[in-house]
Amino acid sequence: MSVLKLEEGNFEEVVLKSEGKVLVDFYADWCGPCKMMSPIIDDIANVLEGTVKVGKVNVDNNQELAIKYDVMSIPTIMVFENGKPIKTFIGVTDKNEILDVLK
């Protein structure tokens, strides 16, 4: 499964109206720790293909979403369940910690 590109235009449909869990990675292209997390996010998308949606939000291009979800530092990884945020990870995070929340 490829990681979905999330933007203000599709966030509601893909994340807020989804049943089940959705992982959202708030990142920026210039952010070093974000680059460290990117292969981890891709791997999670592959491991949980068909059970969890995984998407990325570029905060430079989608500032309204970053403000709405109080993204103060990046990477911020949020897990939504049935349209509501249930867990937030800030900074470089262990893959197994994220997987534990998604299972």
PDB file of N, CA and C in Angstrom:
ATOM      1  N   MET A   1       0.863  -1.180   0.000  1.00  0.00           N
ATOM      2  CA  MET A   1       0.000   0.000   0.000  1.00  0.00           C
ATOM      3  C   MET A   1       0.899   1.228   0.000  1.00  0.00           C
ATOM      4  N   SER A   2       0.548   2.162  -0.823  1.00  0.00           N
ATOM      5  CA  SER A   2       1.322   3.392  -0.776  1.00  0.00           C
ATOM      6  C   SER A   2       0.741   4.295   0.314  1.00  0.00           C
ATOM      7  N   VAL A   3       1.586   5.170   0.801  1.00  0.00           N
ATOM      8  CA  VAL A   3       1.167   6.133   1.806  1.00  0.00           C
ATOM      9  C   VAL A   3       0.363   7.211   1.088  1.00  0.00           C
ATOM     10  N   LEU A   4      -0.786   7.561   1.647  1.00  0.00           N
ATOM     11  CA  LEU A   4      -1.668   8.546   1.023  1.00  0.00           C
ATOM     12  C   LEU A   4      -1.143   9.957   1.254  1.00  0.00           C
ATOM     13  N   LYS A   5      -1.250  10.791   0.230  1.00  0.00           N
ATOM     14  CA  LYS A   5      -0.900  12.202   0.374  1.00  0.00           C
ATOM     15  C   LYS A   5      -2.143  12.931   0.878  1.00  0.00           C
ATOM     16  N   LEU A   6      -2.069  13.407   2.105  1.00  0.00           N
ATOM     17  CA  LEU A   6      -3.216  14.081   2.710  1.00  0.00           C
ATOM     18  C   LEU A   6      -3.052  15.590   2.603  1.00  0.00           C
ATOM     19  N   GLU A   7      -4.150  16.256   2.288  1.00  0.00           N
ATOM     20  CA  GLU A   7      -4.168  17.708   2.163  1.00  0.00           C
ATOM     21  C   GLU A   7      -5.484  18.213   2.745  1.00  0.00           C
ATOM     22  N   GLU A   8      -5.573  19.526   2.870  1.00  0.00           N
ATOM     23  CA  GLU A   8      -6.807  20.102   3.407  1.00  0.00           C
ATOM     24  C   GLU A   8      -8.023  19.659   2.598  1.00  0.00           C
ATOM     25  N   GLY A   9      -7.842  19.455   1.291  1.00  0.00           N
ATOM     26  CA  GLY A   9      -8.954  19.079   0.426  1.00  0.00           C
ATOM     27  C   GLY A   9      -9.473  17.667   0.626  1.00  0.00           C
ATOM     28  N   ASN A  10      -8.628  16.725   1.084  1.00  0.00           N
ATOM     29  CA  ASN A  10      -9.094  15.339   1.209  1.00  0.00           C
ATOM     30  C   ASN A  10      -9.024  14.799   2.641  1.00  0.00           C
ATOM     31  N   PHE A  11      -8.559  15.606   3.583  1.00  0.00           N
ATOM     32  CA  PHE A  11      -8.346  15.136   4.955  1.00  0.00           C
ATOM     33  C   PHE A  11      -9.649  14.655   5.598  1.00  0.00           C
ATOM     34  N   GLU A  12     -10.707  15.435   5.422  1.00  0.00           N
ATOM     35  CA  GLU A  12     -11.986  15.057   6.040  1.00  0.00           C
ATOM     36  C   GLU A  12     -12.471  13.716   5.503  1.00  0.00           C
ATOM     37  N   GLU A  13     -12.421  13.561   4.197  1.00  0.00           N
ATOM     38  CA  GLU A  13     -12.917  12.336   3.568  1.00  0.00           C
ATOM     39  C   GLU A  13     -12.072  11.121   3.967  1.00  0.00           C
ATOM     40  N   VAL A  14     -10.750  11.262   3.906  1.00  0.00           N
ATOM     41  CA  VAL A  14      -9.851  10.127   4.113  1.00  0.00           C
ATOM     42  C   VAL A  14      -9.674   9.798   5.599  1.00  0.00           C
ATOM     43  N   VAL A  15      -9.613  10.821   6.444  1.00  0.00           N
ATOM     44  CA  VAL A  15      -9.298  10.597   7.856  1.00  0.00           C
ATOM     45  C   VAL A  15     -10.536  10.695   8.745  1.00  0.00           C
ATOM     46  N   LEU A  16     -11.225  11.818   8.686  1.00  0.00           N
ATOM     47  CA  LEU A  16     -12.307  12.070   9.649  1.00  0.00           C
ATOM     48  C   LEU A  16     -13.547  11.228   9.393  1.00  0.00           C
ATOM     49  N   LYS A  17     -13.771  10.827   8.154  1.00  0.00           N
ATOM     50  CA  LYS A  17     -14.949  10.005   7.845  1.00  0.00           C
ATOM     51  C   LYS A  17     -14.622   8.521   7.764  1.00  0.00           C
ATOM     52  N   SER A  18     -13.380   8.151   8.100  1.00  0.00           N
ATOM     53  CA  SER A  18     -12.976   6.747   8.029  1.00  0.00           C
ATOM     54  C   SER A  18     -13.426   5.984   9.259  1.00  0.00           C
ATOM     55  N   GLU A  19     -13.833   4.745   9.036  1.00  0.00           N
ATOM     56  CA  GLU A  19     -14.055   3.843  10.152  1.00  0.00           C
ATOM     57  C   GLU A  19     -12.732   3.141  10.410  1.00  0.00           C
ATOM     58  N   GLY A  20     -12.465   2.863  11.671  1.00  0.00           N
ATOM     59  CA  GLY A  20     -11.205   2.216  12.000  1.00  0.00           C
ATOM     60  C   GLY A  20     -10.104   3.238  12.208  1.00  0.00           C
ATOM     61  N   LYS A  21      -8.878   2.755  12.140  1.00  0.00           N
ATOM     62  CA  LYS A  21      -7.725   3.591  12.479  1.00  0.00           C
ATOM     63  C   LYS A  21      -7.037   4.144  11.240  1.00  0.00           C
ATOM     64  N   VAL A  22      -6.552   5.379  11.396  1.00  0.00           N
ATOM     65  CA  VAL A  22      -5.792   6.053  10.349  1.00  0.00           C
ATOM     66  C   VAL A  22      -4.560   6.669  11.008  1.00  0.00           C
ATOM     67  N   LEU A  23      -3.393   6.393  10.444  1.00  0.00           N
ATOM     68  CA  LEU A  23      -2.145   6.988  10.919  1.00  0.00           C
ATOM     69  C   LEU A  23      -1.842   8.204  10.051  1.00  0.00           C
ATOM     70  N   VAL A  24      -1.598   9.351  10.696  1.00  0.00           N
ATOM     71  CA  VAL A  24      -1.279  10.584   9.965  1.00  0.00           C
ATOM     72  C   VAL A  24       0.073  11.098  10.431  1.00  0.00           C
ATOM     73  N   ASP A  25       0.987  11.258   9.474  1.00  0.00           N
ATOM     74  CA  ASP A  25       2.331  11.769   9.737  1.00  0.00           C
ATOM     75  C   ASP A  25       2.388  13.224   9.274  1.00  0.00           C
ATOM     76  N   PHE A  26       2.518  14.157  10.224  1.00  0.00           N
ATOM     77  CA  PHE A  26       2.708  15.568   9.900  1.00  0.00           C
ATOM     78  C   PHE A  26       4.217  15.800   9.779  1.00  0.00           C
ATOM     79  N   TYR A  27       4.659  16.255   8.611  1.00  0.00           N
ATOM     80  CA  TYR A  27       6.099  16.358   8.335  1.00  0.00           C
ATOM     81  C   TYR A  27       6.392  17.589   7.474  1.00  0.00           C
ATOM     82  N   ALA A  28       7.690  17.829   7.249  1.00  0.00           N
ATOM     83  CA  ALA A  28       8.135  18.822   6.259  1.00  0.00           C
ATOM     84  C   ALA A  28       9.355  18.253   5.536  1.00  0.00           C
ATOM     85  N   ASP A  29       9.525  18.646   4.281  1.00  0.00           N
ATOM     86  CA  ASP A  29      10.628  18.114   3.477  1.00  0.00           C
ATOM     87  C   ASP A  29      12.003  18.466   4.042  1.00  0.00           C
ATOM     88  N   TRP A  30      12.122  19.603   4.709  1.00  0.00           N
ATOM     89  CA  TRP A  30      13.411  20.078   5.227  1.00  0.00           C
ATOM     90  C   TRP A  30      13.755  19.505   6.603  1.00  0.00           C
ATOM     91  N   CYS A  31      12.859  18.731   7.195  1.00  0.00           N
ATOM     92  CA  CYS A  31      12.994  18.271   8.583  1.00  0.00           C
ATOM     93  C   CYS A  31      13.790  16.959   8.657  1.00  0.00           C
ATOM     94  N   GLY A  32      14.955  17.003   9.303  1.00  0.00           N
ATOM     95  CA  GLY A  32      15.806  15.816   9.436  1.00  0.00           C
ATOM     96  C   GLY A  32      15.135  14.648  10.137  1.00  0.00           C
ATOM     97  N   PRO A  33      14.562  14.869  11.343  1.00  0.00           N
ATOM     98  CA  PRO A  33      13.868  13.763  12.022  1.00  0.00           C
ATOM     99  C   PRO A  33      12.700  13.200  11.202  1.00  0.00           C
ATOM    100  N   CYS A  34      12.048  14.052  10.407  1.00  0.00           N
ATOM    101  CA  CYS A  34      10.957  13.570   9.541  1.00  0.00           C
ATOM    102  C   CYS A  34      11.500  12.587   8.513  1.00  0.00           C
ATOM    103  N   LYS A  35      12.694  12.900   7.973  1.00  0.00           N
ATOM    104  CA  LYS A  35      13.312  12.007   6.995  1.00  0.00           C
ATOM    105  C   LYS A  35      13.672  10.673   7.645  1.00  0.00           C
ATOM    106  N   MET A  36      14.035  10.706   8.932  1.00  0.00           N
ATOM    107  CA  MET A  36      14.326   9.461   9.650  1.00  0.00           C
ATOM    108  C   MET A  36      13.065   8.619   9.824  1.00  0.00           C
ATOM    109  N   MET A  37      11.928   9.273  10.031  1.00  0.00           N
ATOM    110  CA  MET A  37      10.666   8.557  10.258  1.00  0.00           C
ATOM    111  C   MET A  37      10.034   8.055   8.958  1.00  0.00           C
ATOM    112  N   SER A  38      10.356   8.664   7.845  1.00  0.00           N
ATOM    113  CA  SER A  38       9.680   8.340   6.588  1.00  0.00           C
ATOM    114  C   SER A  38       9.731   6.853   6.233  1.00  0.00           C
ATOM    115  N   PRO A  39      10.911   6.192   6.280  1.00  0.00           N
ATOM    116  CA  PRO A  39      10.902   4.749   5.960  1.00  0.00           C
ATOM    117  C   PRO A  39      10.133   3.920   6.985  1.00  0.00           C
ATOM    118  N   ILE A  40      10.078   4.383   8.229  1.00  0.00           N
ATOM    119  CA  ILE A  40       9.313   3.680   9.268  1.00  0.00           C
ATOM    120  C   ILE A  40       7.814   3.769   8.948  1.00  0.00           C
ATOM    121  N   ILE A  41       7.367   4.961   8.565  1.00  0.00           N
ATOM    122  CA  ILE A  41       5.960   5.151   8.201  1.00  0.00           C
ATOM    123  C   ILE A  41       5.616   4.284   6.989  1.00  0.00           C
ATOM    124  N   ASP A  42       6.521   4.267   5.999  1.00  0.00           N
ATOM    125  CA  ASP A  42       6.291   3.434   4.810  1.00  0.00           C
ATOM    126  C   ASP A  42       6.194   1.958   5.185  1.00  0.00           C
ATOM    127  N   ASP A  43       7.055   1.526   6.091  1.00  0.00           N
ATOM    128  CA  ASP A  43       7.059   0.131   6.524  1.00  0.00           C
ATOM    129  C   ASP A  43       5.754  -0.211   7.252  1.00  0.00           C
ATOM    130  N   ILE A  44       5.292   0.682   8.118  1.00  0.00           N
ATOM    131  CA  ILE A  44       4.022   0.462   8.822  1.00  0.00           C
ATOM    132  C   ILE A  44       2.883   0.337   7.810  1.00  0.00           C
ATOM    133  N   ALA A  45       2.899   1.174   6.779  1.00  0.00           N
ATOM    134  CA  ALA A  45       1.863   1.105   5.737  1.00  0.00           C
ATOM    135  C   ALA A  45       1.861  -0.270   5.073  1.00  0.00           C
ATOM    136  N   ASN A  46       3.050  -0.820   4.834  1.00  0.00           N
ATOM    137  CA  ASN A  46       3.146  -2.139   4.205  1.00  0.00           C
ATOM    138  C   ASN A  46       2.701  -3.249   5.154  1.00  0.00           C
ATOM    139  N   VAL A  47       3.136  -3.174   6.408  1.00  0.00           N
ATOM    140  CA  VAL A  47       2.816  -4.209   7.400  1.00  0.00           C
ATOM    141  C   VAL A  47       1.307  -4.272   7.650  1.00  0.00           C
ATOM    142  N   LEU A  48       0.661  -3.110   7.708  1.00  0.00           N
ATOM    143  CA  LEU A  48      -0.764  -3.063   8.063  1.00  0.00           C
ATOM    144  C   LEU A  48      -1.670  -2.828   6.857  1.00  0.00           C
ATOM    145  N   GLU A  49      -1.154  -3.127   5.674  1.00  0.00           N
ATOM    146  CA  GLU A  49      -1.934  -2.931   4.451  1.00  0.00           C
ATOM    147  C   GLU A  49      -3.281  -3.635   4.550  1.00  0.00           C
ATOM    148  N   GLY A  50      -4.319  -2.895   4.199  1.00  0.00           N
ATOM    149  CA  GLY A  50      -5.658  -3.461   4.216  1.00  0.00           C
ATOM    150  C   GLY A  50      -6.362  -3.336   5.555  1.00  0.00           C
ATOM    151  N   THR A  51      -5.637  -2.963   6.613  1.00  0.00           N
ATOM    152  CA  THR A  51      -6.281  -2.833   7.924  1.00  0.00           C
ATOM    153  C   THR A  51      -6.249  -1.398   8.457  1.00  0.00           C
ATOM    154  N   VAL A  52      -5.208  -0.648   8.089  1.00  0.00           N
ATOM    155  CA  VAL A  52      -5.059   0.726   8.586  1.00  0.00           C
ATOM    156  C   VAL A  52      -4.657   1.622   7.417  1.00  0.00           C
ATOM    157  N   LYS A  53      -5.297   2.785   7.306  1.00  0.00           N
ATOM    158  CA  LYS A  53      -4.866   3.767   6.312  1.00  0.00           C
ATOM    159  C   LYS A  53      -3.689   4.537   6.891  1.00  0.00           C
ATOM    160  N   VAL A  54      -2.726   4.867   6.032  1.00  0.00           N
ATOM    161  CA  VAL A  54      -1.558   5.633   6.450  1.00  0.00           C
ATOM    162  C   VAL A  54      -1.397   6.804   5.491  1.00  0.00           C
ATOM    163  N   GLY A  55      -1.282   8.009   6.058  1.00  0.00           N
ATOM    164  CA  GLY A  55      -1.140   9.193   5.217  1.00  0.00           C
ATOM    165  C   GLY A  55      -0.146  10.173   5.783  1.00  0.00           C
ATOM    166  N   LYS A  56       0.320  11.085   4.921  1.00  0.00           N
ATOM    167  CA  LYS A  56       1.279  12.109   5.320  1.00  0.00           C
ATOM    168  C   LYS A  56       0.730  13.483   4.959  1.00  0.00           C
ATOM    169  N   VAL A  57       0.960  14.440   5.861  1.00  0.00           N
ATOM    170  CA  VAL A  57       0.560  15.823   5.644  1.00  0.00           C
ATOM    171  C   VAL A  57       1.816  16.684   5.657  1.00  0.00           C
ATOM    172  N   ASN A  58       2.091  17.364   4.557  1.00  0.00           N
ATOM    173  CA  ASN A  58       3.193  18.321   4.510  1.00  0.00           C
ATOM    174  C   ASN A  58       2.707  19.605   5.193  1.00  0.00           C
ATOM    175  N   VAL A  59       3.292  19.924   6.357  1.00  0.00           N
ATOM    176  CA  VAL A  59       2.796  21.069   7.141  1.00  0.00           C
ATOM    177  C   VAL A  59       3.067  22.403   6.454  1.00  0.00           C
ATOM    178  N   ASP A  60       4.088  22.466   5.600  1.00  0.00           N
ATOM    179  CA  ASP A  60       4.357  23.719   4.889  1.00  0.00           C
ATOM    180  C   ASP A  60       3.242  24.032   3.896  1.00  0.00           C
ATOM    181  N   ASN A  61       2.656  23.002   3.305  1.00  0.00           N
ATOM    182  CA  ASN A  61       1.606  23.186   2.304  1.00  0.00           C
ATOM    183  C   ASN A  61       0.201  23.142   2.899  1.00  0.00           C
ATOM    184  N   ASN A  62       0.086  22.690   4.147  1.00  0.00           N
ATOM    185  CA  ASN A  62      -1.230  22.503   4.780  1.00  0.00           C
ATOM    186  C   ASN A  62      -1.216  23.070   6.201  1.00  0.00           C
ATOM    187  N   GLN A  63      -0.927  24.368   6.293  1.00  0.00           N
ATOM    188  CA  GLN A  63      -0.769  24.990   7.600  1.00  0.00           C
ATOM    189  C   GLN A  63      -2.057  24.980   8.423  1.00  0.00           C
ATOM    190  N   GLU A  64      -3.199  25.054   7.751  1.00  0.00           N
ATOM    191  CA  GLU A  64      -4.472  25.035   8.485  1.00  0.00           C
ATOM    192  C   GLU A  64      -4.645  23.725   9.257  1.00  0.00           C
ATOM    193  N   LEU A  65      -4.282  22.602   8.628  1.00  0.00           N
ATOM    194  CA  LEU A  65      -4.380  21.309   9.316  1.00  0.00           C
ATOM    195  C   LEU A  65      -3.416  21.250  10.493  1.00  0.00           C
ATOM    196  N   ALA A  66      -2.200  21.757  10.293  1.00  0.00           N
ATOM    197  CA  ALA A  66      -1.212  21.754  11.374  1.00  0.00           C
ATOM    198  C   ALA A  66      -1.719  22.574  12.560  1.00  0.00           C
ATOM    199  N   ILE A  67      -2.318  23.713  12.275  1.00  0.00           N
ATOM    200  CA  ILE A  67      -2.863  24.564  13.344  1.00  0.00           C
ATOM    201  C   ILE A  67      -4.042  23.865  14.028  1.00  0.00           C
ATOM    202  N   LYS A  68      -4.931  23.292  13.228  1.00  0.00           N
ATOM    203  CA  LYS A  68      -6.127  22.646  13.778  1.00  0.00           C
ATOM    204  C   LYS A  68      -5.769  21.536  14.765  1.00  0.00           C
ATOM    205  N   TYR A  69      -4.692  20.795  14.477  1.00  0.00           N
ATOM    206  CA  TYR A  69      -4.315  19.665  15.331  1.00  0.00           C
ATOM    207  C   TYR A  69      -3.126  19.985  16.236  1.00  0.00           C
ATOM    208  N   ASP A  70      -2.881  21.287  16.448  1.00  0.00           N
ATOM    209  CA  ASP A  70      -1.846  21.745  17.395  1.00  0.00           C
ATOM    210  C   ASP A  70      -0.487  21.111  17.133  1.00  0.00           C
ATOM    211  N   VAL A  71      -0.109  21.030  15.867  1.00  0.00           N
ATOM    212  CA  VAL A  71       1.204  20.482  15.533  1.00  0.00           C
ATOM    213  C   VAL A  71       2.232  21.593  15.746  1.00  0.00           C
ATOM    214  N   MET A  72       2.978  21.489  16.855  1.00  0.00           N
ATOM    215  CA  MET A  72       3.963  22.508  17.213  1.00  0.00           C
ATOM    216  C   MET A  72       5.365  22.129  16.778  1.00  0.00           C
ATOM    217  N   SER A  73       5.652  20.822  16.744  1.00  0.00           N
ATOM    218  CA  SER A  73       6.958  20.367  16.285  1.00  0.00           C
ATOM    219  C   SER A  73       6.745  19.135  15.426  1.00  0.00           C
ATOM    220  N   ILE A  74       7.690  18.900  14.541  1.00  0.00           N
ATOM    221  CA  ILE A  74       7.552  17.779  13.618  1.00  0.00           C
ATOM    222  C   ILE A  74       8.780  16.882  13.715  1.00  0.00           C
ATOM    223  N   PRO A  75       8.653  15.609  13.423  1.00  0.00           N
ATOM    224  CA  PRO A  75       7.404  14.983  13.010  1.00  0.00           C
ATOM    225  C   PRO A  75       6.417  14.816  14.168  1.00  0.00           C
ATOM    226  N   THR A  76       5.149  15.009  13.864  1.00  0.00           N
ATOM    227  CA  THR A  76       4.075  14.652  14.777  1.00  0.00           C
ATOM    228  C   THR A  76       3.263  13.568  14.078  1.00  0.00           C
ATOM    229  N   ILE A  77       3.112  12.441  14.756  1.00  0.00           N
ATOM    230  CA  ILE A  77       2.373  11.315  14.195  1.00  0.00           C
ATOM    231  C   ILE A  77       1.123  11.122  15.041  1.00  0.00           C
ATOM    232  N   MET A  78      -0.024  11.208  14.396  1.00  0.00           N
ATOM    233  CA  MET A  78      -1.297  11.067  15.106  1.00  0.00           C
ATOM    234  C   MET A  78      -2.033   9.829  14.618  1.00  0.00           C
ATOM    235  N   VAL A  79      -2.638   9.137  15.559  1.00  0.00           N
ATOM    236  CA  VAL A  79      -3.493   8.009  15.216  1.00  0.00           C
ATOM    237  C   VAL A  79      -4.933   8.448  15.464  1.00  0.00           C
ATOM    238  N   PHE A  80      -5.749   8.327  14.430  1.00  0.00           N
ATOM    239  CA  PHE A  80      -7.178   8.632  14.519  1.00  0.00           C
ATOM    240  C   PHE A  80      -7.935   7.321  14.523  1.00  0.00           C
ATOM    241  N   GLU A  81      -9.010   7.276  15.292  1.00  0.00           N
ATOM    242  CA  GLU A  81      -9.902   6.118  15.259  1.00  0.00           C
ATOM    243  C   GLU A  81     -11.317   6.630  15.107  1.00  0.00           C
ATOM    244  N   ASN A  82     -11.982   6.179  14.037  1.00  0.00           N
ATOM    245  CA  ASN A  82     -13.336   6.631  13.718  1.00  0.00           C
ATOM    246  C   ASN A  82     -13.419   8.156  13.697  1.00  0.00           C
ATOM    247  N   GLY A  83     -12.389   8.782  13.112  1.00  0.00           N
ATOM    248  CA  GLY A  83     -12.406  10.230  12.913  1.00  0.00           C
ATOM    249  C   GLY A  83     -11.909  11.075  14.064  1.00  0.00           C
ATOM    250  N   LYS A  84     -11.520  10.446  15.179  1.00  0.00           N
ATOM    251  CA  LYS A  84     -11.072  11.208  16.345  1.00  0.00           C
ATOM    252  C   LYS A  84      -9.629  10.838  16.697  1.00  0.00           C
ATOM    253  N   PRO A  85      -8.808  11.856  17.019  1.00  0.00           N
ATOM    254  CA  PRO A  85      -7.435  11.542  17.412  1.00  0.00           C
ATOM    255  C   PRO A  85      -7.405  10.811  18.749  1.00  0.00           C
ATOM    256  N   ILE A  86      -6.690   9.680  18.797  1.00  0.00           N
ATOM    257  CA  ILE A  86      -6.621   8.899  20.042  1.00  0.00           C
ATOM    258  C   ILE A  86      -5.216   8.850  20.624  1.00  0.00           C
ATOM    259  N   LYS A  87      -4.183   9.129  19.799  1.00  0.00           N
ATOM    260  CA  LYS A  87      -2.813   9.059  20.301  1.00  0.00           C
ATOM    261  C   LYS A  87      -1.929   9.940  19.426  1.00  0.00           C
ATOM    262  N   THR A  88      -0.991  10.649  20.075  1.00  0.00           N
ATOM    263  CA  THR A  88      -0.046  11.502  19.351  1.00  0.00           C
ATOM    264  C   THR A  88       1.374  11.159  19.772  1.00  0.00           C
ATOM    265  N   PHE A  89       2.237  11.018  18.779  1.00  0.00           N
ATOM    266  CA  PHE A  89       3.667  10.826  19.018  1.00  0.00           C
ATOM    267  C   PHE A  89       4.387  12.046  18.450  1.00  0.00           C
ATOM    268  N   ILE A  90       5.340  12.589  19.205  1.00  0.00           N
ATOM    269  CA  ILE A  90       6.095  13.747  18.732  1.00  0.00           C
ATOM    270  C   ILE A  90       7.566  13.366  18.657  1.00  0.00           C
ATOM    271  N   GLY A  91       8.179  13.692  17.514  1.00  0.00           N
ATOM    272  CA  GLY A  91       9.591  13.374  17.326  1.00  0.00           C
ATOM    273  C   GLY A  91       9.771  11.966  16.788  1.00  0.00           C
ATOM    274  N   VAL A  92      11.035  11.557  16.710  1.00  0.00           N
ATOM    275  CA  VAL A  92      11.347  10.214  16.218  1.00  0.00           C
ATOM    276  C   VAL A  92      10.801   9.201  17.223  1.00  0.00           C
ATOM    277  N   THR A  93      10.035   8.263  16.726  1.00  0.00           N
ATOM    278  CA  THR A  93       9.319   7.310  17.577  1.00  0.00           C
ATOM    279  C   THR A  93       9.623   5.886  17.130  1.00  0.00           C
ATOM    280  N   ASP A  94       9.724   4.992  18.083  1.00  0.00           N
ATOM    281  CA  ASP A  94       9.966   3.584  17.809  1.00  0.00           C
ATOM    282  C   ASP A  94       8.785   2.983  17.045  1.00  0.00           C
ATOM    283  N   LYS A  95       9.099   2.234  15.996  1.00  0.00           N
ATOM    284  CA  LYS A  95       8.058   1.629  15.154  1.00  0.00           C
ATOM    285  C   LYS A  95       7.111   0.757  15.976  1.00  0.00           C
ATOM    286  N   ASN A  96       7.642  -0.016  16.921  1.00  0.00           N
ATOM    287  CA  ASN A  96       6.785  -0.918  17.694  1.00  0.00           C
ATOM    288  C   ASN A  96       5.809  -0.163  18.581  1.00  0.00           C
ATOM    289  N   GLU A  97       6.211   1.008  19.087  1.00  0.00           N
ATOM    290  CA  GLU A  97       5.275   1.832  19.882  1.00  0.00           C
ATOM    291  C   GLU A  97       4.076   2.234  19.037  1.00  0.00           C
ATOM    292  N   ILE A  98       4.350   2.621  17.790  1.00  0.00           N
ATOM    293  CA  ILE A  98       3.263   3.030  16.890  1.00  0.00           C
ATOM    294  C   ILE A  98       2.393   1.821  16.547  1.00  0.00           C
ATOM    295  N   LEU A  99       3.024   0.707  16.228  1.00  0.00           N
ATOM    296  CA  LEU A  99       2.265  -0.510  15.873  1.00  0.00           C
ATOM    297  C   LEU A  99       1.374  -0.962  17.005  1.00  0.00           C
ATOM    298  N   ASP A 100       1.855  -0.834  18.261  1.00  0.00           N
ATOM    299  CA  ASP A 100       1.034  -1.243  19.408  1.00  0.00           C
ATOM    300  C   ASP A 100      -0.285  -0.493  19.458  1.00  0.00           C
ATOM    301  N   VAL A 101      -0.266   0.782  19.103  1.00  0.00           N
ATOM    302  CA  VAL A 101      -1.485   1.599  19.126  1.00  0.00           C
ATOM    303  C   VAL A 101      -2.403   1.224  17.952  1.00  0.00           C
ATOM    304  N   LEU A 102      -1.802   0.820  16.845  1.00  0.00           N
ATOM    305  CA  LEU A 102      -2.595   0.542  15.630  1.00  0.00           C
ATOM    306  C   LEU A 102      -3.235  -0.842  15.645  1.00  0.00           C
ATOM    307  N   LYS A 103      -2.744  -1.747  16.450  1.00  0.00           N
ATOM    308  CA  LYS A 103      -3.267  -3.115  16.430  1.00  0.00           C
ATOM    309  C   LYS A 103      -4.533  -3.259  17.256  1.00  0.00           C
TER     310      LYS A 103
END
